[in-house]
Amino acid sequence: MDIVYLVNYFEDSYQARFGIPHTPIPQFQIARFEKCVDELELDEDDAITLINAYFDTVFRKPVDYRFGHFASSRILEILFLHKLY
């Protein structure tokens, strides 16, 4: 699994959606994302599905759709359960 590709895909999706580049993503958030991907046993296509689903989600409370929010284990688990399980 190419985590760098997935992070770049997220950043490109963010820019396409909001018209501005994503702020630099800290390494600890990338590591957390990689750990979640491993724990959920996602392949690259699954991870892309979750990224797309994240940007299509309308949350009850306003969110900034940043990588740190997406890469939290709880958000990924919820998206996984709704889209892939």
PDB file of N, CA and C in Angstrom:
ATOM      1  N   MET A   1       0.849  -1.173   0.000  1.00  0.00           N
ATOM      2  CA  MET A   1       0.000   0.000   0.000  1.00  0.00           C
ATOM      3  C   MET A   1       0.895   1.236   0.000  1.00  0.00           C
ATOM      4  N   ASP A   2       0.566   2.150  -0.860  1.00  0.00           N
ATOM      5  CA  ASP A   2       1.351   3.377  -1.003  1.00  0.00           C
ATOM      6  C   ASP A   2       0.661   4.507  -0.231  1.00  0.00           C
ATOM      7  N   ILE A   3       1.065   4.693   1.013  1.00  0.00           N
ATOM      8  CA  ILE A   3       0.454   5.707   1.881  1.00  0.00           C
ATOM      9  C   ILE A   3       0.692   7.108   1.323  1.00  0.00           C
ATOM     10  N   VAL A   4       1.862   7.352   0.767  1.00  0.00           N
ATOM     11  CA  VAL A   4       2.152   8.673   0.199  1.00  0.00           C
ATOM     12  C   VAL A   4       1.174   8.979  -0.939  1.00  0.00           C
ATOM     13  N   TYR A   5       0.896   7.993  -1.777  1.00  0.00           N
ATOM     14  CA  TYR A   5      -0.072   8.179  -2.855  1.00  0.00           C
ATOM     15  C   TYR A   5      -1.443   8.544  -2.284  1.00  0.00           C
ATOM     16  N   LEU A   6      -1.855   7.846  -1.222  1.00  0.00           N
ATOM     17  CA  LEU A   6      -3.169   8.105  -0.626  1.00  0.00           C
ATOM     18  C   LEU A   6      -3.237   9.499   0.001  1.00  0.00           C
ATOM     19  N   VAL A   7      -2.167   9.913   0.648  1.00  0.00           N
ATOM     20  CA  VAL A   7      -2.131  11.258   1.228  1.00  0.00           C
ATOM     21  C   VAL A   7      -2.198  12.304   0.112  1.00  0.00           C
ATOM     22  N   ASN A   8      -1.462  12.070  -0.964  1.00  0.00           N
ATOM     23  CA  ASN A   8      -1.516  12.993  -2.105  1.00  0.00           C
ATOM     24  C   ASN A   8      -2.911  13.004  -2.730  1.00  0.00           C
ATOM     25  N   TYR A   9      -3.549  11.851  -2.807  1.00  0.00           N
ATOM     26  CA  TYR A   9      -4.911  11.773  -3.331  1.00  0.00           C
ATOM     27  C   TYR A   9      -5.852  12.603  -2.453  1.00  0.00           C
ATOM     28  N   PHE A  10      -5.693  12.487  -1.139  1.00  0.00           N
ATOM     29  CA  PHE A  10      -6.507  13.277  -0.220  1.00  0.00           C
ATOM     30  C   PHE A  10      -6.277  14.770  -0.461  1.00  0.00           C
ATOM     31  N   GLU A  11      -5.014  15.173  -0.543  1.00  0.00           N
ATOM     32  CA  GLU A  11      -4.697  16.592  -0.752  1.00  0.00           C
ATOM     33  C   GLU A  11      -5.266  17.100  -2.081  1.00  0.00           C
ATOM     34  N   ASP A  12      -5.142  16.302  -3.124  1.00  0.00           N
ATOM     35  CA  ASP A  12      -5.687  16.693  -4.426  1.00  0.00           C
ATOM     36  C   ASP A  12      -7.208  16.803  -4.372  1.00  0.00           C
ATOM     37  N   SER A  13      -7.845  15.879  -3.675  1.00  0.00           N
ATOM     38  CA  SER A  13      -9.301  15.911  -3.529  1.00  0.00           C
ATOM     39  C   SER A  13      -9.744  17.129  -2.739  1.00  0.00           C
ATOM     40  N   TYR A  14      -8.989  17.469  -1.713  1.00  0.00           N
ATOM     41  CA  TYR A  14      -9.286  18.651  -0.910  1.00  0.00           C
ATOM     42  C   TYR A  14      -9.215  19.907  -1.784  1.00  0.00           C
ATOM     43  N   GLN A  15      -8.133  20.014  -2.558  1.00  0.00           N
ATOM     44  CA  GLN A  15      -7.963  21.202  -3.397  1.00  0.00           C
ATOM     45  C   GLN A  15      -9.049  21.265  -4.479  1.00  0.00           C
ATOM     46  N   ALA A  16      -9.412  20.136  -5.044  1.00  0.00           N
ATOM     47  CA  ALA A  16     -10.466  20.115  -6.057  1.00  0.00           C
ATOM     48  C   ALA A  16     -11.805  20.555  -5.467  1.00  0.00           C
ATOM     49  N   ARG A  17     -12.042  20.177  -4.233  1.00  0.00           N
ATOM     50  CA  ARG A  17     -13.323  20.498  -3.590  1.00  0.00           C
ATOM     51  C   ARG A  17     -13.393  21.947  -3.121  1.00  0.00           C
ATOM     52  N   PHE A  18     -12.318  22.428  -2.514  1.00  0.00           N
ATOM     53  CA  PHE A  18     -12.350  23.739  -1.863  1.00  0.00           C
ATOM     54  C   PHE A  18     -11.599  24.837  -2.609  1.00  0.00           C
ATOM     55  N   GLY A  19     -10.838  24.471  -3.624  1.00  0.00           N
ATOM     56  CA  GLY A  19     -10.148  25.464  -4.429  1.00  0.00           C
ATOM     57  C   GLY A  19      -8.907  26.053  -3.794  1.00  0.00           C
ATOM     58  N   ILE A  20      -8.483  25.482  -2.687  1.00  0.00           N
ATOM     59  CA  ILE A  20      -7.256  25.926  -2.014  1.00  0.00           C
ATOM     60  C   ILE A  20      -6.455  24.695  -1.622  1.00  0.00           C
ATOM     61  N   PRO A  21      -5.128  24.836  -1.534  1.00  0.00           N
ATOM     62  CA  PRO A  21      -4.331  23.679  -1.117  1.00  0.00           C
ATOM     63  C   PRO A  21      -4.534  23.369   0.367  1.00  0.00           C
ATOM     64  N   HIS A  22      -4.395  22.105   0.690  1.00  0.00           N
ATOM     65  CA  HIS A  22      -4.451  21.666   2.086  1.00  0.00           C
ATOM     66  C   HIS A  22      -3.185  22.151   2.790  1.00  0.00           C
ATOM     67  N   THR A  23      -3.286  22.463   4.051  1.00  0.00           N
ATOM     68  CA  THR A  23      -2.097  22.825   4.829  1.00  0.00           C
ATOM     69  C   THR A  23      -1.173  21.608   4.932  1.00  0.00           C
ATOM     70  N   PRO A  24       0.108  21.817   5.199  1.00  0.00           N
ATOM     71  CA  PRO A  24       1.021  20.674   5.341  1.00  0.00           C
ATOM     72  C   PRO A  24       0.509  19.688   6.405  1.00  0.00           C
ATOM     73  N   ILE A  25       0.596  18.424   6.083  1.00  0.00           N
ATOM     74  CA  ILE A  25       0.087  17.379   6.977  1.00  0.00           C
ATOM     75  C   ILE A  25       1.233  16.872   7.841  1.00  0.00           C
ATOM     76  N   PRO A  26       1.078  16.950   9.165  1.00  0.00           N
ATOM     77  CA  PRO A  26       2.132  16.467  10.059  1.00  0.00           C
ATOM     78  C   PRO A  26       2.347  14.955   9.921  1.00  0.00           C
ATOM     79  N   GLN A  27       3.573  14.547  10.109  1.00  0.00           N
ATOM     80  CA  GLN A  27       3.928  13.130   9.980  1.00  0.00           C
ATOM     81  C   GLN A  27       3.140  12.263  10.954  1.00  0.00           C
ATOM     82  N   PHE A  28       2.840  12.752  12.150  1.00  0.00           N
ATOM     83  CA  PHE A  28       2.111  11.922  13.107  1.00  0.00           C
ATOM     84  C   PHE A  28       0.701  11.607  12.608  1.00  0.00           C
ATOM     85  N   GLN A  29       0.097  12.518  11.846  1.00  0.00           N
ATOM     86  CA  GLN A  29      -1.231  12.238  11.294  1.00  0.00           C
ATOM     87  C   GLN A  29      -1.148  11.197  10.180  1.00  0.00           C
ATOM     88  N   ILE A  30      -0.098  11.257   9.397  1.00  0.00           N
ATOM     89  CA  ILE A  30       0.106  10.253   8.350  1.00  0.00           C
ATOM     90  C   ILE A  30       0.333   8.890   8.987  1.00  0.00           C
ATOM     91  N   ALA A  31       1.127   8.840  10.046  1.00  0.00           N
ATOM     92  CA  ALA A  31       1.378   7.583  10.755  1.00  0.00           C
ATOM     93  C   ALA A  31       0.089   7.033  11.360  1.00  0.00           C
ATOM     94  N   ARG A  32      -0.749   7.903  11.910  1.00  0.00           N
ATOM     95  CA  ARG A  32      -2.025   7.474  12.477  1.00  0.00           C
ATOM     96  C   ARG A  32      -2.928   6.910  11.383  1.00  0.00           C
ATOM     97  N   PHE A  33      -2.959   7.570  10.232  1.00  0.00           N
ATOM     98  CA  PHE A  33      -3.735   7.094   9.099  1.00  0.00           C
ATOM     99  C   PHE A  33      -3.238   5.714   8.652  1.00  0.00           C
ATOM    100  N   GLU A  34      -1.938   5.567   8.544  1.00  0.00           N
ATOM    101  CA  GLU A  34      -1.367   4.281   8.128  1.00  0.00           C
ATOM    102  C   GLU A  34      -1.740   3.169   9.115  1.00  0.00           C
ATOM    103  N   LYS A  35      -1.699   3.478  10.390  1.00  0.00           N
ATOM    104  CA  LYS A  35      -2.070   2.492  11.408  1.00  0.00           C
ATOM    105  C   LYS A  35      -3.545   2.101  11.261  1.00  0.00           C
ATOM    106  N   CYS A  36      -4.415   3.068  11.044  1.00  0.00           N
ATOM    107  CA  CYS A  36      -5.845   2.782  10.874  1.00  0.00           C
ATOM    108  C   CYS A  36      -6.095   1.940   9.628  1.00  0.00           C
ATOM    109  N   VAL A  37      -5.400   2.280   8.542  1.00  0.00           N
ATOM    110  CA  VAL A  37      -5.536   1.519   7.302  1.00  0.00           C
ATOM    111  C   VAL A  37      -5.129   0.065   7.536  1.00  0.00           C
ATOM    112  N   ASP A  38      -4.037  -0.138   8.257  1.00  0.00           N
ATOM    113  CA  ASP A  38      -3.573  -1.494   8.571  1.00  0.00           C
ATOM    114  C   ASP A  38      -4.571  -2.230   9.464  1.00  0.00           C
ATOM    115  N   GLU A  39      -5.067  -1.555  10.492  1.00  0.00           N
ATOM    116  CA  GLU A  39      -6.000  -2.199  11.420  1.00  0.00           C
ATOM    117  C   GLU A  39      -7.317  -2.585  10.742  1.00  0.00           C
ATOM    118  N   LEU A  40      -7.773  -1.751   9.813  1.00  0.00           N
ATOM    119  CA  LEU A  40      -9.020  -2.043   9.102  1.00  0.00           C
ATOM    120  C   LEU A  40      -8.789  -2.951   7.896  1.00  0.00           C
ATOM    121  N   GLU A  41      -7.516  -3.280   7.640  1.00  0.00           N
ATOM    122  CA  GLU A  41      -7.135  -4.158   6.533  1.00  0.00           C
ATOM    123  C   GLU A  41      -7.659  -3.634   5.192  1.00  0.00           C
ATOM    124  N   LEU A  42      -7.443  -2.346   4.968  1.00  0.00           N
ATOM    125  CA  LEU A  42      -7.895  -1.714   3.733  1.00  0.00           C
ATOM    126  C   LEU A  42      -6.861  -1.895   2.631  1.00  0.00           C
ATOM    127  N   ASP A  43      -7.345  -2.060   1.418  1.00  0.00           N
ATOM    128  CA  ASP A  43      -6.434  -1.974   0.285  1.00  0.00           C
ATOM    129  C   ASP A  43      -6.535  -0.548  -0.275  1.00  0.00           C
ATOM    130  N   GLU A  44      -5.759  -0.271  -1.285  1.00  0.00           N
ATOM    131  CA  GLU A  44      -5.707   1.090  -1.817  1.00  0.00           C
ATOM    132  C   GLU A  44      -7.074   1.558  -2.331  1.00  0.00           C
ATOM    133  N   ASP A  45      -7.784   0.687  -3.023  1.00  0.00           N
ATOM    134  CA  ASP A  45      -9.114   1.040  -3.537  1.00  0.00           C
ATOM    135  C   ASP A  45     -10.091   1.344  -2.407  1.00  0.00           C
ATOM    136  N   ASP A  46     -10.009   0.565  -1.326  1.00  0.00           N
ATOM    137  CA  ASP A  46     -10.867   0.819  -0.159  1.00  0.00           C
ATOM    138  C   ASP A  46     -10.572   2.187   0.441  1.00  0.00           C
ATOM    139  N   ALA A  47      -9.294   2.505   0.575  1.00  0.00           N
ATOM    140  CA  ALA A  47      -8.907   3.786   1.163  1.00  0.00           C
ATOM    141  C   ALA A  47      -9.390   4.948   0.292  1.00  0.00           C
ATOM    142  N   ILE A  48      -9.293   4.805  -1.021  1.00  0.00           N
ATOM    143  CA  ILE A  48      -9.778   5.847  -1.923  1.00  0.00           C
ATOM    144  C   ILE A  48     -11.296   5.987  -1.795  1.00  0.00           C
ATOM    145  N   THR A  49     -11.990   4.879  -1.665  1.00  0.00           N
ATOM    146  CA  THR A  49     -13.443   4.918  -1.452  1.00  0.00           C
ATOM    147  C   THR A  49     -13.776   5.700  -0.191  1.00  0.00           C
ATOM    148  N   LEU A  50     -13.006   5.488   0.876  1.00  0.00           N
ATOM    149  CA  LEU A  50     -13.266   6.203   2.131  1.00  0.00           C
ATOM    150  C   LEU A  50     -12.928   7.682   2.018  1.00  0.00           C
ATOM    151  N   ILE A  51     -11.885   8.014   1.290  1.00  0.00           N
ATOM    152  CA  ILE A  51     -11.555   9.430   1.084  1.00  0.00           C
ATOM    153  C   ILE A  51     -12.689  10.117   0.333  1.00  0.00           C
ATOM    154  N   ASN A  52     -13.155   9.487  -0.739  1.00  0.00           N
ATOM    155  CA  ASN A  52     -14.263  10.064  -1.508  1.00  0.00           C
ATOM    156  C   ASN A  52     -15.522  10.179  -0.656  1.00  0.00           C
ATOM    157  N   ALA A  53     -15.794   9.161   0.134  1.00  0.00           N
ATOM    158  CA  ALA A  53     -16.974   9.188   1.008  1.00  0.00           C
ATOM    159  C   ALA A  53     -16.863  10.292   2.042  1.00  0.00           C
ATOM    160  N   TYR A  54     -15.658  10.524   2.544  1.00  0.00           N
ATOM    161  CA  TYR A  54     -15.440  11.583   3.529  1.00  0.00           C
ATOM    162  C   TYR A  54     -15.831  12.941   2.957  1.00  0.00           C
ATOM    163  N   PHE A  55     -15.367  13.223   1.742  1.00  0.00           N
ATOM    164  CA  PHE A  55     -15.674  14.519   1.138  1.00  0.00           C
ATOM    165  C   PHE A  55     -17.140  14.637   0.739  1.00  0.00           C
ATOM    166  N   ASP A  56     -17.821  13.511   0.589  1.00  0.00           N
ATOM    167  CA  ASP A  56     -19.256  13.529   0.267  1.00  0.00           C
ATOM    168  C   ASP A  56     -20.151  13.577   1.510  1.00  0.00           C
ATOM    169  N   THR A  57     -19.546  13.443   2.673  1.00  0.00           N
ATOM    170  CA  THR A  57     -20.309  13.404   3.921  1.00  0.00           C
ATOM    171  C   THR A  57     -20.651  14.816   4.392  1.00  0.00           C
ATOM    172  N   VAL A  58     -21.898  15.001   4.764  1.00  0.00           N
ATOM    173  CA  VAL A  58     -22.334  16.251   5.387  1.00  0.00           C
ATOM    174  C   VAL A  58     -22.431  15.966   6.889  1.00  0.00           C
ATOM    175  N   PHE A  59     -21.571  16.599   7.650  1.00  0.00           N
ATOM    176  CA  PHE A  59     -21.530  16.364   9.088  1.00  0.00           C
ATOM    177  C   PHE A  59     -22.525  17.277   9.802  1.00  0.00           C
ATOM    178  N   ARG A  60     -22.996  16.825  10.954  1.00  0.00           N
ATOM    179  CA  ARG A  60     -23.952  17.626  11.735  1.00  0.00           C
ATOM    180  C   ARG A  60     -23.322  18.926  12.213  1.00  0.00           C
ATOM    181  N   LYS A  61     -22.092  18.843  12.654  1.00  0.00           N
ATOM    182  CA  LYS A  61     -21.371  20.033  13.105  1.00  0.00           C
ATOM    183  C   LYS A  61     -20.407  20.442  11.999  1.00  0.00           C
ATOM    184  N   PRO A  62     -20.147  21.718  11.871  1.00  0.00           N
ATOM    185  CA  PRO A  62     -19.200  22.147  10.829  1.00  0.00           C
ATOM    186  C   PRO A  62     -17.807  21.541  11.056  1.00  0.00           C
ATOM    187  N   VAL A  63     -17.222  21.038  10.001  1.00  0.00           N
ATOM    188  CA  VAL A  63     -15.848  20.535  10.043  1.00  0.00           C
ATOM    189  C   VAL A  63     -15.074  21.181   8.903  1.00  0.00           C
ATOM    190  N   ASP A  64     -13.772  21.157   9.003  1.00  0.00           N
ATOM    191  CA  ASP A  64     -12.939  21.796   7.985  1.00  0.00           C
ATOM    192  C   ASP A  64     -12.464  20.814   6.912  1.00  0.00           C
ATOM    193  N   TYR A  65     -12.839  19.541   7.032  1.00  0.00           N
ATOM    194  CA  TYR A  65     -12.470  18.500   6.060  1.00  0.00           C
ATOM    195  C   TYR A  65     -10.954  18.394   5.900  1.00  0.00           C
ATOM    196  N   ARG A  66     -10.258  18.578   6.979  1.00  0.00           N
ATOM    197  CA  ARG A  66      -8.801  18.449   6.957  1.00  0.00           C
ATOM    198  C   ARG A  66      -8.404  16.999   7.221  1.00  0.00           C
ATOM    199  N   PHE A  67      -7.185  16.689   6.853  1.00  0.00           N
ATOM    200  CA  PHE A  67      -6.676  15.332   6.981  1.00  0.00           C
ATOM    201  C   PHE A  67      -6.712  14.837   8.425  1.00  0.00           C
ATOM    202  N   GLY A  68      -6.406  15.716   9.370  1.00  0.00           N
ATOM    203  CA  GLY A  68      -6.396  15.315  10.781  1.00  0.00           C
ATOM    204  C   GLY A  68      -7.741  14.798  11.242  1.00  0.00           C
ATOM    205  N   HIS A  69      -8.813  15.412  10.778  1.00  0.00           N
ATOM    206  CA  HIS A  69     -10.160  14.940  11.117  1.00  0.00           C
ATOM    207  C   HIS A  69     -10.429  13.616  10.426  1.00  0.00           C
ATOM    208  N   PHE A  70     -10.137  13.539   9.139  1.00  0.00           N
ATOM    209  CA  PHE A  70     -10.354  12.309   8.381  1.00  0.00           C
ATOM    210  C   PHE A  70      -9.570  11.143   8.958  1.00  0.00           C
ATOM    211  N   ALA A  71      -8.328  11.386   9.321  1.00  0.00           N
ATOM    212  CA  ALA A  71      -7.432  10.313   9.742  1.00  0.00           C
ATOM    213  C   ALA A  71      -7.635   9.875  11.189  1.00  0.00           C
ATOM    214  N   SER A  72      -8.593  10.463  11.885  1.00  0.00           N
ATOM    215  CA  SER A  72      -8.865   9.976  13.238  1.00  0.00           C
ATOM    216  C   SER A  72      -9.501   8.591  13.123  1.00  0.00           C
ATOM    217  N   SER A  73      -9.156   7.721  14.032  1.00  0.00           N
ATOM    218  CA  SER A  73      -9.634   6.336  13.928  1.00  0.00           C
ATOM    219  C   SER A  73     -11.156   6.259  13.936  1.00  0.00           C
ATOM    220  N   ARG A  74     -11.792   7.098  14.695  1.00  0.00           N
ATOM    221  CA  ARG A  74     -13.259   7.056  14.789  1.00  0.00           C
ATOM    222  C   ARG A  74     -13.936   7.390  13.457  1.00  0.00           C
ATOM    223  N   ILE A  75     -13.477   8.420  12.783  1.00  0.00           N
ATOM    224  CA  ILE A  75     -14.045   8.805  11.485  1.00  0.00           C
ATOM    225  C   ILE A  75     -13.821   7.687  10.473  1.00  0.00           C
ATOM    226  N   LEU A  76     -12.612   7.155  10.413  1.00  0.00           N
ATOM    227  CA  LEU A  76     -12.341   6.077   9.467  1.00  0.00           C
ATOM    228  C   LEU A  76     -13.187   4.839   9.764  1.00  0.00           C
ATOM    229  N   GLU A  77     -13.359   4.511  11.027  1.00  0.00           N
ATOM    230  CA  GLU A  77     -14.184   3.356  11.392  1.00  0.00           C
ATOM    231  C   GLU A  77     -15.633   3.553  10.956  1.00  0.00           C
ATOM    232  N   ILE A  78     -16.169   4.737  11.184  1.00  0.00           N
ATOM    233  CA  ILE A  78     -17.558   5.017  10.803  1.00  0.00           C
ATOM    234  C   ILE A  78     -17.716   4.941   9.285  1.00  0.00           C
ATOM    235  N   LEU A  79     -16.801   5.556   8.554  1.00  0.00           N
ATOM    236  CA  LEU A  79     -16.856   5.486   7.096  1.00  0.00           C
ATOM    237  C   LEU A  79     -16.725   4.043   6.615  1.00  0.00           C
ATOM    238  N   PHE A  80     -15.827   3.299   7.225  1.00  0.00           N
ATOM    239  CA  PHE A  80     -15.640   1.889   6.877  1.00  0.00           C
ATOM    240  C   PHE A  80     -16.937   1.106   7.080  1.00  0.00           C
ATOM    241  N   LEU A  81     -17.571   1.304   8.212  1.00  0.00           N
ATOM    242  CA  LEU A  81     -18.806   0.566   8.507  1.00  0.00           C
ATOM    243  C   LEU A  81     -19.939   0.949   7.546  1.00  0.00           C
ATOM    244  N   HIS A  82     -20.006   2.219   7.163  1.00  0.00           N
ATOM    245  CA  HIS A  82     -21.060   2.661   6.269  1.00  0.00           C
ATOM    246  C   HIS A  82     -20.811   2.325   4.806  1.00  0.00           C
ATOM    247  N   LYS A  83     -19.558   2.287   4.399  1.00  0.00           N
ATOM    248  CA  LYS A  83     -19.248   2.131   2.970  1.00  0.00           C
ATOM    249  C   LYS A  83     -18.698   0.768   2.561  1.00  0.00           C
ATOM    250  N   LEU A  84     -18.011   0.085   3.463  1.00  0.00           N
ATOM    251  CA  LEU A  84     -17.306  -1.122   3.052  1.00  0.00           C
ATOM    252  C   LEU A  84     -17.683  -2.390   3.810  1.00  0.00           C
ATOM    253  N   TYR A  85     -18.282  -2.271   4.952  1.00  0.00           N
ATOM    254  CA  TYR A  85     -18.533  -3.460   5.771  1.00  0.00           C
ATOM    255  C   TYR A  85     -19.808  -4.139   5.374  1.00  0.00           C
TER     256      TYR A  85
END
